[in-house]
Amino acid sequence: MILIIGFIVSLMIISLPILSFYLKFKNQGLSNSLTDWATFGDYIGGSVNTIISFLSLIILGYLTYIVSKESISENKKMNLLMKRLDSYNELTYYIPKINLFAPTMNRMIASISKDLDNLEILDDESFKKKKDLTIKNLILFSEFHYFLFSFNVRFGHLYKYDFNSEEFELLLESSNQIHEFFEQIINLFELDKPYDSDKMNPNFTLLFERLADVINSLRTELE
């Protein structure tokens, strides 16, 4: 619509020199002199071309503004998408690592706790490696837990997802339960004290189910 209006206005402006010439000399009739026609051509060329150049400059400026505006808008969308992808990748980075030790974690904790009752084995290198690896995996989960709790503050503005929803709160709840359990284990193992295996064990299945729900919700915003 704007282009049509601009075209009509431009046509009217370009017609002004011709209309002015006609109104001024309409009573003199058409000349048979080449000189007169050459003068008329110079007049039209000098006036109309100047107007056309000026209008072209205005149109070019307007088109540049439109393209620039669209480009800025697209860049913002692209930057937003890239930041979403980075945060999403950072979130999913922990999943395979936790999956790797989760199935055997309960058994490993029970085994170390049992060994801690035997004072002779505490200096055994294989036992130390097993205990250090277990603590390392527990600390890895703690990193994931703190990342999860800070996700809303760090990346919440990038998503339309409601991080105050019940879905996300349930995920934090599961993560917090496992994290508190692991914190107790780390403290005990660093003091070389066994853990009472009759206490609650971490529920990774529920955690992964809730994590999958949140990840699927976030993934829809990346498509």
Foldseek 3Di string as FASTA:
>chain_A
DVVVVLVVVLVVQLCVQVVVVCVVCVVVDDDPDPVVVVVVVCSSCVRNVVSVVVSVVVVVVVVVVVVVVVVVVVVVVVVLLVVLVVLLCVLCVCVVLLVVCVVCLLVLLQVLLVCLVPVVCPPPPVSVVSLVVSLVSLVSLVVSLVCLVCCCVVPVVSDPDDCVDPLNVQLNVLSVVQNVVSVVSNVCVVVSHHDDSVDDDRDVVSNVVSVVVVSVVSVVVSD
